[in-house]
Amino acid sequence: MALAGKHMFGAIEDTRVTFVEKKISNERKDFLKDLLTFNGFEVLIQEEKRKTEEEPQLYTVAVTDMTFNPTIWVFNRRLMTPDGHKVTQDYWNQATSDTNPQYWKND
């Protein structure tokens, strides 16, 4: 799911949350959980309901901080990677592990 400006919130069980991403793979879930936990957020994971057992299991990732908006935190460069660099949009989207702050490339 791409970064969007809309603040998505709701509840998981009885806990009010800000949804980070919905209907994502296990690998994406693990990436986001590790990144957000490293940045001090309490992360909640919910399994999406499957129509059949053959369908892949998808997940919803949320945080208990109701003020968290992924778009704002990424573009304000408030999230850090475990190796001490600031998270860029491409890093968040797992397009690259490079954290160079340039949003454009001059070839």
PDB file of N, CA and C in Angstrom:
ATOM      1  N   MET A   1       0.842  -1.162   0.000  1.00  0.00           N
ATOM      2  CA  MET A   1       0.000   0.000   0.000  1.00  0.00           C
ATOM      3  C   MET A   1       0.891   1.230   0.000  1.00  0.00           C
ATOM      4  N   ALA A   2       0.668   2.123  -0.906  1.00  0.00           N
ATOM      5  CA  ALA A   2       1.476   3.332  -0.997  1.00  0.00           C
ATOM      6  C   ALA A   2       1.105   4.302   0.114  1.00  0.00           C
ATOM      7  N   LEU A   3       2.019   5.187   0.414  1.00  0.00           N
ATOM      8  CA  LEU A   3       1.735   6.215   1.407  1.00  0.00           C
ATOM      9  C   LEU A   3       0.600   7.090   0.901  1.00  0.00           C
ATOM     10  N   ALA A   4      -0.338   7.372   1.776  1.00  0.00           N
ATOM     11  CA  ALA A   4      -1.468   8.237   1.441  1.00  0.00           C
ATOM     12  C   ALA A   4      -1.650   9.233   2.569  1.00  0.00           C
ATOM     13  N   GLY A   5      -2.160  10.393   2.265  1.00  0.00           N
ATOM     14  CA  GLY A   5      -2.315  11.421   3.276  1.00  0.00           C
ATOM     15  C   GLY A   5      -3.431  11.161   4.266  1.00  0.00           C
ATOM     16  N   LYS A   6      -4.327  10.248   3.935  1.00  0.00           N
ATOM     17  CA  LYS A   6      -5.484   9.989   4.776  1.00  0.00           C
ATOM     18  C   LYS A   6      -5.071   9.271   6.059  1.00  0.00           C
ATOM     19  N   HIS A   7      -5.570   9.759   7.184  1.00  0.00           N
ATOM     20  CA  HIS A   7      -5.311   9.154   8.484  1.00  0.00           C
ATOM     21  C   HIS A   7      -6.381   8.095   8.729  1.00  0.00           C
ATOM     22  N   MET A   8      -5.974   6.826   8.721  1.00  0.00           N
ATOM     23  CA  MET A   8      -6.919   5.726   8.889  1.00  0.00           C
ATOM     24  C   MET A   8      -6.870   5.243  10.336  1.00  0.00           C
ATOM     25  N   PHE A   9      -8.003   5.258  11.003  1.00  0.00           N
ATOM     26  CA  PHE A   9      -8.023   4.790  12.378  1.00  0.00           C
ATOM     27  C   PHE A   9      -9.269   3.956  12.618  1.00  0.00           C
ATOM     28  N   GLY A  10      -9.235   3.194  13.692  1.00  0.00           N
ATOM     29  CA  GLY A  10     -10.326   2.302  14.041  1.00  0.00           C
ATOM     30  C   GLY A  10      -9.958   1.540  15.297  1.00  0.00           C
ATOM     31  N   ALA A  11     -10.309   0.261  15.325  1.00  0.00           N
ATOM     32  CA  ALA A  11     -10.029  -0.546  16.509  1.00  0.00           C
ATOM     33  C   ALA A  11      -9.627  -1.955  16.103  1.00  0.00           C
ATOM     34  N   ILE A  12      -8.735  -2.530  16.886  1.00  0.00           N
ATOM     35  CA  ILE A  12      -8.409  -3.954  16.817  1.00  0.00           C
ATOM     36  C   ILE A  12      -8.767  -4.500  18.182  1.00  0.00           C
ATOM     37  N   GLU A  13      -9.723  -5.428  18.165  1.00  0.00           N
ATOM     38  CA  GLU A  13     -10.346  -5.929  19.398  1.00  0.00           C
ATOM     39  C   GLU A  13     -10.896  -4.713  20.146  1.00  0.00           C
ATOM     40  N   ASP A  14     -10.450  -4.414  21.338  1.00  0.00           N
ATOM     41  CA  ASP A  14     -10.977  -3.274  22.087  1.00  0.00           C
ATOM     42  C   ASP A  14     -10.003  -2.108  22.147  1.00  0.00           C
ATOM     43  N   THR A  15      -8.965  -2.132  21.333  1.00  0.00           N
ATOM     44  CA  THR A  15      -7.928  -1.108  21.383  1.00  0.00           C
ATOM     45  C   THR A  15      -8.061  -0.167  20.190  1.00  0.00           C
ATOM     46  N   ARG A  16      -8.135   1.137  20.464  1.00  0.00           N
ATOM     47  CA  ARG A  16      -8.162   2.139  19.399  1.00  0.00           C
ATOM     48  C   ARG A  16      -6.779   2.213  18.758  1.00  0.00           C
ATOM     49  N   VAL A  17      -6.742   2.237  17.425  1.00  0.00           N
ATOM     50  CA  VAL A  17      -5.467   2.200  16.716  1.00  0.00           C
ATOM     51  C   VAL A  17      -5.495   3.115  15.495  1.00  0.00           C
ATOM     52  N   THR A  18      -4.301   3.429  15.031  1.00  0.00           N
ATOM     53  CA  THR A  18      -4.107   4.021  13.711  1.00  0.00           C
ATOM     54  C   THR A  18      -3.640   2.896  12.805  1.00  0.00           C
ATOM     55  N   PHE A  19      -4.369   2.660  11.716  1.00  0.00           N
ATOM     56  CA  PHE A  19      -3.967   1.627  10.777  1.00  0.00           C
ATOM     57  C   PHE A  19      -2.792   2.132   9.946  1.00  0.00           C
ATOM     58  N   VAL A  20      -1.774   1.297   9.835  1.00  0.00           N
ATOM     59  CA  VAL A  20      -0.603   1.643   9.038  1.00  0.00           C
ATOM     60  C   VAL A  20      -0.785   1.102   7.629  1.00  0.00           C
ATOM     61  N   GLU A  21      -1.038  -0.188   7.507  1.00  0.00           N
ATOM     62  CA  GLU A  21      -1.327  -0.814   6.214  1.00  0.00           C
ATOM     63  C   GLU A  21      -2.252  -1.995   6.442  1.00  0.00           C
ATOM     64  N   LYS A  22      -3.101  -2.247   5.439  1.00  0.00           N
ATOM     65  CA  LYS A  22      -4.047  -3.359   5.498  1.00  0.00           C
ATOM     66  C   LYS A  22      -3.803  -4.308   4.327  1.00  0.00           C
ATOM     67  N   LYS A  23      -4.160  -5.563   4.535  1.00  0.00           N
ATOM     68  CA  LYS A  23      -4.081  -6.604   3.498  1.00  0.00           C
ATOM     69  C   LYS A  23      -2.681  -6.707   2.908  1.00  0.00           C
ATOM     70  N   ILE A  24      -1.712  -6.924   3.783  1.00  0.00           N
ATOM     71  CA  ILE A  24      -0.321  -7.032   3.357  1.00  0.00           C
ATOM     72  C   ILE A  24       0.214  -8.427   3.632  1.00  0.00           C
ATOM     73  N   SER A  25       1.314  -8.757   2.978  1.00  0.00           N
ATOM     74  CA  SER A  25       1.929 -10.083   3.108  1.00  0.00           C
ATOM     75  C   SER A  25       2.636 -10.228   4.455  1.00  0.00           C
ATOM     76  N   ASN A  26       3.005 -11.440   4.757  1.00  0.00           N
ATOM     77  CA  ASN A  26       3.732 -11.730   5.987  1.00  0.00           C
ATOM     78  C   ASN A  26       5.083 -11.012   6.007  1.00  0.00           C
ATOM     79  N   GLU A  27       5.778 -10.976   4.876  1.00  0.00           N
ATOM     80  CA  GLU A  27       7.081 -10.312   4.802  1.00  0.00           C
ATOM     81  C   GLU A  27       6.950  -8.814   5.057  1.00  0.00           C
ATOM     82  N   ARG A  28       5.938  -8.184   4.459  1.00  0.00           N
ATOM     83  CA  ARG A  28       5.699  -6.752   4.656  1.00  0.00           C
ATOM     84  C   ARG A  28       5.314  -6.479   6.113  1.00  0.00           C
ATOM     85  N   LYS A  29       4.494  -7.349   6.671  1.00  0.00           N
ATOM     86  CA  LYS A  29       4.088  -7.218   8.071  1.00  0.00           C
ATOM     87  C   LYS A  29       5.308  -7.240   8.981  1.00  0.00           C
ATOM     88  N   ASP A  30       6.207  -8.182   8.755  1.00  0.00           N
ATOM     89  CA  ASP A  30       7.419  -8.281   9.585  1.00  0.00           C
ATOM     90  C   ASP A  30       8.298  -7.043   9.444  1.00  0.00           C
ATOM     91  N   PHE A  31       8.450  -6.543   8.214  1.00  0.00           N
ATOM     92  CA  PHE A  31       9.247  -5.348   7.977  1.00  0.00           C
ATOM     93  C   PHE A  31       8.678  -4.162   8.754  1.00  0.00           C
ATOM     94  N   LEU A  32       7.372  -3.921   8.603  1.00  0.00           N
ATOM     95  CA  LEU A  32       6.753  -2.780   9.283  1.00  0.00           C
ATOM     96  C   LEU A  32       6.771  -2.934  10.795  1.00  0.00           C
ATOM     97  N   LYS A  33       6.509  -4.133  11.266  1.00  0.00           N
ATOM     98  CA  LYS A  33       6.517  -4.362  12.712  1.00  0.00           C
ATOM     99  C   LYS A  33       7.894  -4.066  13.298  1.00  0.00           C
ATOM    100  N   ASP A  34       8.940  -4.569  12.668  1.00  0.00           N
ATOM    101  CA  ASP A  34      10.301  -4.334  13.155  1.00  0.00           C
ATOM    102  C   ASP A  34      10.654  -2.846  13.115  1.00  0.00           C
ATOM    103  N   LEU A  35      10.329  -2.172  12.013  1.00  0.00           N
ATOM    104  CA  LEU A  35      10.652  -0.759  11.858  1.00  0.00           C
ATOM    105  C   LEU A  35       9.904   0.099  12.879  1.00  0.00           C
ATOM    106  N   LEU A  36       8.606  -0.135  13.024  1.00  0.00           N
ATOM    107  CA  LEU A  36       7.810   0.684  13.937  1.00  0.00           C
ATOM    108  C   LEU A  36       8.139   0.392  15.395  1.00  0.00           C
ATOM    109  N   THR A  37       8.402  -0.853  15.726  1.00  0.00           N
ATOM    110  CA  THR A  37       8.799  -1.194  17.096  1.00  0.00           C
ATOM    111  C   THR A  37      10.129  -0.536  17.428  1.00  0.00           C
ATOM    112  N   PHE A  38      11.067  -0.557  16.499  1.00  0.00           N
ATOM    113  CA  PHE A  38      12.361   0.098  16.705  1.00  0.00           C
ATOM    114  C   PHE A  38      12.180   1.590  16.989  1.00  0.00           C
ATOM    115  N   ASN A  39      11.169   2.209  16.359  1.00  0.00           N
ATOM    116  CA  ASN A  39      10.910   3.631  16.541  1.00  0.00           C
ATOM    117  C   ASN A  39      10.008   3.929  17.741  1.00  0.00           C
ATOM    118  N   GLY A  40       9.748   2.933  18.567  1.00  0.00           N
ATOM    119  CA  GLY A  40       9.060   3.149  19.828  1.00  0.00           C
ATOM    120  C   GLY A  40       7.552   3.036  19.805  1.00  0.00           C
ATOM    121  N   PHE A  41       6.995   2.513  18.737  1.00  0.00           N
ATOM    122  CA  PHE A  41       5.546   2.359  18.661  1.00  0.00           C
ATOM    123  C   PHE A  41       5.119   0.988  19.167  1.00  0.00           C
ATOM    124  N   GLU A  42       3.946   0.945  19.778  1.00  0.00           N
ATOM    125  CA  GLU A  42       3.341  -0.338  20.139  1.00  0.00           C
ATOM    126  C   GLU A  42       2.564  -0.802  18.913  1.00  0.00           C
ATOM    127  N   VAL A  43       2.958  -1.927  18.347  1.00  0.00           N
ATOM    128  CA  VAL A  43       2.390  -2.426  17.092  1.00  0.00           C
ATOM    129  C   VAL A  43       1.408  -3.559  17.378  1.00  0.00           C
ATOM    130  N   LEU A  44       0.245  -3.489  16.742  1.00  0.00           N
ATOM    131  CA  LEU A  44      -0.741  -4.562  16.819  1.00  0.00           C
ATOM    132  C   LEU A  44      -0.925  -5.148  15.426  1.00  0.00           C
ATOM    133  N   ILE A  45      -1.033  -6.459  15.371  1.00  0.00           N
ATOM    134  CA  ILE A  45      -1.199  -7.180  14.103  1.00  0.00           C
ATOM    135  C   ILE A  45      -2.536  -7.921  14.152  1.00  0.00           C
ATOM    136  N   GLN A  46      -3.259  -7.852  13.051  1.00  0.00           N
ATOM    137  CA  GLN A  46      -4.514  -8.599  12.945  1.00  0.00           C
ATOM    138  C   GLN A  46      -4.503  -9.389  11.648  1.00  0.00           C
ATOM    139  N   GLU A  47      -4.858 -10.666  11.739  1.00  0.00           N
ATOM    140  CA  GLU A  47      -4.957 -11.491  10.536  1.00  0.00           C
ATOM    141  C   GLU A  47      -6.260 -11.162   9.823  1.00  0.00           C
ATOM    142  N   GLU A  48      -6.168 -11.006   8.499  1.00  0.00           N
ATOM    143  CA  GLU A  48      -7.367 -10.786   7.690  1.00  0.00           C
ATOM    144  C   GLU A  48      -8.092 -12.121   7.513  1.00  0.00           C
ATOM    145  N   LYS A  49      -9.400 -12.062   7.401  1.00  0.00           N
ATOM    146  CA  LYS A  49     -10.176 -13.286   7.177  1.00  0.00           C
ATOM    147  C   LYS A  49      -9.987 -13.738   5.741  1.00  0.00           C
ATOM    148  N   ARG A  50      -9.843 -15.067   5.578  1.00  0.00           N
ATOM    149  CA  ARG A  50      -9.677 -15.649   4.247  1.00  0.00           C
ATOM    150  C   ARG A  50     -10.970 -16.342   3.853  1.00  0.00           C
ATOM    151  N   LYS A  51     -11.288 -16.284   2.555  1.00  0.00           N
ATOM    152  CA  LYS A  51     -12.476 -16.966   2.061  1.00  0.00           C
ATOM    153  C   LYS A  51     -12.247 -18.469   1.988  1.00  0.00           C
ATOM    154  N   THR A  52     -11.021 -18.865   1.597  1.00  0.00           N
ATOM    155  CA  THR A  52     -10.674 -20.283   1.531  1.00  0.00           C
ATOM    156  C   THR A  52      -9.294 -20.477   2.149  1.00  0.00           C
ATOM    157  N   GLU A  53      -8.988 -21.699   2.495  1.00  0.00           N
ATOM    158  CA  GLU A  53      -7.686 -22.020   3.083  1.00  0.00           C
ATOM    159  C   GLU A  53      -6.549 -21.897   2.078  1.00  0.00           C
ATOM    160  N   GLU A  54      -6.865 -21.944   0.778  1.00  0.00           N
ATOM    161  CA  GLU A  54      -5.843 -21.855  -0.255  1.00  0.00           C
ATOM    162  C   GLU A  54      -5.325 -20.431  -0.440  1.00  0.00           C
ATOM    163  N   GLU A  55      -6.107 -19.444  -0.080  1.00  0.00           N
ATOM    164  CA  GLU A  55      -5.683 -18.056  -0.228  1.00  0.00           C
ATOM    165  C   GLU A  55      -4.549 -17.749   0.740  1.00  0.00           C
ATOM    166  N   PRO A  56      -3.618 -16.887   0.332  1.00  0.00           N
ATOM    167  CA  PRO A  56      -2.528 -16.527   1.244  1.00  0.00           C
ATOM    168  C   PRO A  56      -3.068 -15.712   2.428  1.00  0.00           C
ATOM    169  N   GLN A  57      -2.430 -15.874   3.571  1.00  0.00           N
ATOM    170  CA  GLN A  57      -2.832 -15.110   4.750  1.00  0.00           C
ATOM    171  C   GLN A  57      -2.336 -13.676   4.618  1.00  0.00           C
ATOM    172  N   LEU A  58      -3.218 -12.729   4.794  1.00  0.00           N
ATOM    173  CA  LEU A  58      -2.874 -11.318   4.759  1.00  0.00           C
ATOM    174  C   LEU A  58      -3.078 -10.713   6.142  1.00  0.00           C
ATOM    175  N   TYR A  59      -2.454  -9.560   6.378  1.00  0.00           N
ATOM    176  CA  TYR A  59      -2.446  -8.968   7.709  1.00  0.00           C
ATOM    177  C   TYR A  59      -2.749  -7.480   7.655  1.00  0.00           C
ATOM    178  N   THR A  60      -3.197  -6.967   8.808  1.00  0.00           N
ATOM    179  CA  THR A  60      -3.336  -5.534   9.036  1.00  0.00           C
ATOM    180  C   THR A  60      -2.350  -5.159  10.120  1.00  0.00           C
ATOM    181  N   VAL A  61      -1.594  -4.080   9.883  1.00  0.00           N
ATOM    182  CA  VAL A  61      -0.634  -3.567  10.861  1.00  0.00           C
ATOM    183  C   VAL A  61      -1.163  -2.227  11.365  1.00  0.00           C
ATOM    184  N   ALA A  62      -1.149  -2.063  12.690  1.00  0.00           N
ATOM    185  CA  ALA A  62      -1.629  -0.830  13.300  1.00  0.00           C
ATOM    186  C   ALA A  62      -0.741  -0.474  14.485  1.00  0.00           C
ATOM    187  N   VAL A  63      -0.813   0.796  14.895  1.00  0.00           N
ATOM    188  CA  VAL A  63      -0.104   1.253  16.083  1.00  0.00           C
ATOM    189  C   VAL A  63      -1.109   1.880  17.038  1.00  0.00           C
ATOM    190  N   THR A  64      -0.779   1.872  18.326  1.00  0.00           N
ATOM    191  CA  THR A  64      -1.692   2.411  19.327  1.00  0.00           C
ATOM    192  C   THR A  64      -1.606   3.930  19.449  1.00  0.00           C
ATOM    193  N   ASP A  65      -0.632   4.549  18.808  1.00  0.00           N
ATOM    194  CA  ASP A  65      -0.495   6.006  18.818  1.00  0.00           C
ATOM    195  C   ASP A  65      -1.496   6.593  17.821  1.00  0.00           C
ATOM    196  N   MET A  66      -2.532   7.252  18.333  1.00  0.00           N
ATOM    197  CA  MET A  66      -3.593   7.771  17.467  1.00  0.00           C
ATOM    198  C   MET A  66      -3.144   8.978  16.637  1.00  0.00           C
ATOM    199  N   THR A  67      -2.000   9.557  16.955  1.00  0.00           N
ATOM    200  CA  THR A  67      -1.521  10.713  16.194  1.00  0.00           C
ATOM    201  C   THR A  67      -0.591  10.309  15.055  1.00  0.00           C
ATOM    202  N   PHE A  68      -0.236   9.031  14.968  1.00  0.00           N
ATOM    203  CA  PHE A  68       0.710   8.569  13.944  1.00  0.00           C
ATOM    204  C   PHE A  68       0.055   8.570  12.571  1.00  0.00           C
ATOM    205  N   ASN A  69       0.712   9.216  11.614  1.00  0.00           N
ATOM    206  CA  ASN A  69       0.310   9.176  10.216  1.00  0.00           C
ATOM    207  C   ASN A  69       1.573   8.819   9.429  1.00  0.00           C
ATOM    208  N   PRO A  70       1.622   7.641   8.784  1.00  0.00           N
ATOM    209  CA  PRO A  70       2.840   7.203   8.108  1.00  0.00           C
ATOM    210  C   PRO A  70       3.384   8.212   7.097  1.00  0.00           C
ATOM    211  N   THR A  71       2.500   8.850   6.341  1.00  0.00           N
ATOM    212  CA  THR A  71       2.952   9.807   5.334  1.00  0.00           C
ATOM    213  C   THR A  71       3.700  10.966   5.974  1.00  0.00           C
ATOM    214  N   ILE A  72       3.144  11.524   7.000  1.00  0.00           N
ATOM    215  CA  ILE A  72       3.781  12.657   7.684  1.00  0.00           C
ATOM    216  C   ILE A  72       5.105  12.237   8.299  1.00  0.00           C
ATOM    217  N   TRP A  73       5.131  11.096   8.961  1.00  0.00           N
ATOM    218  CA  TRP A  73       6.365  10.650   9.618  1.00  0.00           C
ATOM    219  C   TRP A  73       7.464  10.345   8.611  1.00  0.00           C
ATOM    220  N   VAL A  74       7.122   9.776   7.455  1.00  0.00           N
ATOM    221  CA  VAL A  74       8.145   9.468   6.452  1.00  0.00           C
ATOM    222  C   VAL A  74       8.660  10.749   5.795  1.00  0.00           C
ATOM    223  N   PHE A  75       7.759  11.623   5.348  1.00  0.00           N
ATOM    224  CA  PHE A  75       8.205  12.819   4.639  1.00  0.00           C
ATOM    225  C   PHE A  75       8.813  13.871   5.563  1.00  0.00           C
ATOM    226  N   ASN A  76       8.473  13.854   6.834  1.00  0.00           N
ATOM    227  CA  ASN A  76       9.149  14.723   7.807  1.00  0.00           C
ATOM    228  C   ASN A  76      10.431  14.077   8.320  1.00  0.00           C
ATOM    229  N   ARG A  77      10.705  12.859   7.846  1.00  0.00           N
ATOM    230  CA  ARG A  77      11.934  12.123   8.160  1.00  0.00           C
ATOM    231  C   ARG A  77      12.097  11.936   9.666  1.00  0.00           C
ATOM    232  N   ARG A  78      10.997  11.513  10.309  1.00  0.00           N
ATOM    233  CA  ARG A  78      10.986  11.305  11.750  1.00  0.00           C
ATOM    234  C   ARG A  78      11.222   9.848  12.135  1.00  0.00           C
ATOM    235  N   LEU A  79      11.189   8.937  11.175  1.00  0.00           N
ATOM    236  CA  LEU A  79      11.447   7.521  11.445  1.00  0.00           C
ATOM    237  C   LEU A  79      12.911   7.211  11.154  1.00  0.00           C
ATOM    238  N   MET A  80      13.474   6.339  11.962  1.00  0.00           N
ATOM    239  CA  MET A  80      14.870   5.940  11.786  1.00  0.00           C
ATOM    240  C   MET A  80      14.943   4.447  11.473  1.00  0.00           C
ATOM    241  N   THR A  81      15.947   4.079  10.682  1.00  0.00           N
ATOM    242  CA  THR A  81      16.213   2.664  10.424  1.00  0.00           C
ATOM    243  C   THR A  81      17.029   2.120  11.593  1.00  0.00           C
ATOM    244  N   PRO A  82      17.064   0.809  11.771  1.00  0.00           N
ATOM    245  CA  PRO A  82      17.871   0.242  12.854  1.00  0.00           C
ATOM    246  C   PRO A  82      19.358   0.584  12.766  1.00  0.00           C
ATOM    247  N   ASP A  83      19.850   0.891  11.555  1.00  0.00           N
ATOM    248  CA  ASP A  83      21.269   1.247  11.434  1.00  0.00           C
ATOM    249  C   ASP A  83      21.513   2.748  11.539  1.00  0.00           C
ATOM    250  N   GLY A  84      20.493   3.522  11.975  1.00  0.00           N
ATOM    251  CA  GLY A  84      20.681   4.926  12.291  1.00  0.00           C
ATOM    252  C   GLY A  84      20.426   5.927  11.187  1.00  0.00           C
ATOM    253  N   HIS A  85      19.867   5.511  10.062  1.00  0.00           N
ATOM    254  CA  HIS A  85      19.557   6.432   8.969  1.00  0.00           C
ATOM    255  C   HIS A  85      18.081   6.807   9.012  1.00  0.00           C
ATOM    256  N   LYS A  86      17.743   7.900   8.357  1.00  0.00           N
ATOM    257  CA  LYS A  86      16.348   8.324   8.288  1.00  0.00           C
ATOM    258  C   LYS A  86      15.625   7.540   7.197  1.00  0.00           C
ATOM    259  N   VAL A  87      14.374   7.198   7.470  1.00  0.00           N
ATOM    260  CA  VAL A  87      13.561   6.419   6.531  1.00  0.00           C
ATOM    261  C   VAL A  87      13.091   7.321   5.402  1.00  0.00           C
ATOM    262  N   THR A  88      13.319   6.879   4.170  1.00  0.00           N
ATOM    263  CA  THR A  88      12.827   7.582   2.989  1.00  0.00           C
ATOM    264  C   THR A  88      11.600   6.850   2.460  1.00  0.00           C
ATOM    265  N   GLN A  89      10.930   7.467   1.490  1.00  0.00           N
ATOM    266  CA  GLN A  89       9.751   6.845   0.895  1.00  0.00           C
ATOM    267  C   GLN A  89      10.101   5.500   0.247  1.00  0.00           C
ATOM    268  N   ASP A  90      11.201   5.445  -0.479  1.00  0.00           N
ATOM    269  CA  ASP A  90      11.593   4.182  -1.123  1.00  0.00           C
ATOM    270  C   ASP A  90      11.944   3.122  -0.091  1.00  0.00           C
ATOM    271  N   TYR A  91      12.572   3.509   0.999  1.00  0.00           N
ATOM    272  CA  TYR A  91      12.879   2.538   2.057  1.00  0.00           C
ATOM    273  C   TYR A  91      11.577   2.025   2.666  1.00  0.00           C
ATOM    274  N   TRP A  92      10.651   2.917   2.952  1.00  0.00           N
ATOM    275  CA  TRP A  92       9.350   2.530   3.527  1.00  0.00           C
ATOM    276  C   TRP A  92       8.632   1.545   2.605  1.00  0.00           C
ATOM    277  N   ASN A  93       8.664   1.824   1.311  1.00  0.00           N
ATOM    278  CA  ASN A  93       7.989   0.963   0.330  1.00  0.00           C
ATOM    279  C   ASN A  93       8.802  -0.272  -0.029  1.00  0.00           C
ATOM    280  N   GLN A  94       9.953  -0.433   0.579  1.00  0.00           N
ATOM    281  CA  GLN A  94      10.863  -1.547   0.341  1.00  0.00           C
ATOM    282  C   GLN A  94      11.316  -1.625  -1.114  1.00  0.00           C
ATOM    283  N   ALA A  95      11.410  -0.468  -1.772  1.00  0.00           N
ATOM    284  CA  ALA A  95      11.930  -0.418  -3.135  1.00  0.00           C
ATOM    285  C   ALA A  95      13.444  -0.445  -3.132  1.00  0.00           C
ATOM    286  N   THR A  96      14.054  -0.023  -2.020  1.00  0.00           N
ATOM    287  CA  THR A  96      15.495  -0.008  -1.885  1.00  0.00           C
ATOM    288  C   THR A  96      15.853  -0.030  -0.407  1.00  0.00           C
ATOM    289  N   SER A  97      17.061  -0.432  -0.116  1.00  0.00           N
ATOM    290  CA  SER A  97      17.547  -0.331   1.261  1.00  0.00           C
ATOM    291  C   SER A  97      18.426   0.904   1.411  1.00  0.00           C
ATOM    292  N   ASP A  98      18.599   1.665   0.299  1.00  0.00           N
ATOM    293  CA  ASP A  98      19.377   2.900   0.308  1.00  0.00           C
ATOM    294  C   ASP A  98      18.563   3.995   0.994  1.00  0.00           C
ATOM    295  N   THR A  99      19.174   4.701   1.918  1.00  0.00           N
ATOM    296  CA  THR A  99      18.473   5.762   2.640  1.00  0.00           C
ATOM    297  C   THR A  99      18.975   7.142   2.247  1.00  0.00           C
ATOM    298  N   ASN A 100      19.548   7.257   1.065  1.00  0.00           N
ATOM    299  CA  ASN A 100      19.984   8.542   0.548  1.00  0.00           C
ATOM    300  C   ASN A 100      18.762   9.462   0.460  1.00  0.00           C
ATOM    301  N   PRO A 101      18.838  10.673   0.992  1.00  0.00           N
ATOM    302  CA  PRO A 101      17.639  11.508   1.076  1.00  0.00           C
ATOM    303  C   PRO A 101      17.156  12.131  -0.225  1.00  0.00           C
ATOM    304  N   GLN A 102      17.807  11.881  -1.339  1.00  0.00           N
ATOM    305  CA  GLN A 102      17.354  12.481  -2.596  1.00  0.00           C
ATOM    306  C   GLN A 102      16.102  11.751  -3.091  1.00  0.00           C
ATOM    307  N   TYR A 103      15.090  12.533  -3.437  1.00  0.00           N
ATOM    308  CA  TYR A 103      13.847  11.965  -3.968  1.00  0.00           C
ATOM    309  C   TYR A 103      13.852  11.924  -5.486  1.00  0.00           C
ATOM    310  N   TRP A 104      14.936  12.367  -6.104  1.00  0.00           N
ATOM    311  CA  TRP A 104      15.061  12.331  -7.546  1.00  0.00           C
ATOM    312  C   TRP A 104      16.463  11.877  -7.893  1.00  0.00           C
ATOM    313  N   LYS A 105      16.630  11.461  -9.111  1.00  0.00           N
ATOM    314  CA  LYS A 105      17.947  11.007  -9.557  1.00  0.00           C
ATOM    315  C   LYS A 105      18.374  11.853 -10.749  1.00  0.00           C
ATOM    316  N   ASN A 106      19.596  12.343 -10.714  1.00  0.00           N
ATOM    317  CA  ASN A 106      20.167  13.096 -11.832  1.00  0.00           C
ATOM    318  C   ASN A 106      21.126  12.167 -12.564  1.00  0.00           C
ATOM    319  N   ASP A 107      20.730  11.727 -13.735  1.00  0.00           N
ATOM    320  CA  ASP A 107      21.575  10.805 -14.507  1.00  0.00           C
ATOM    321  C   ASP A 107      22.402  11.542 -15.525  1.00  0.00           C
TER     322      ASP A 107
END
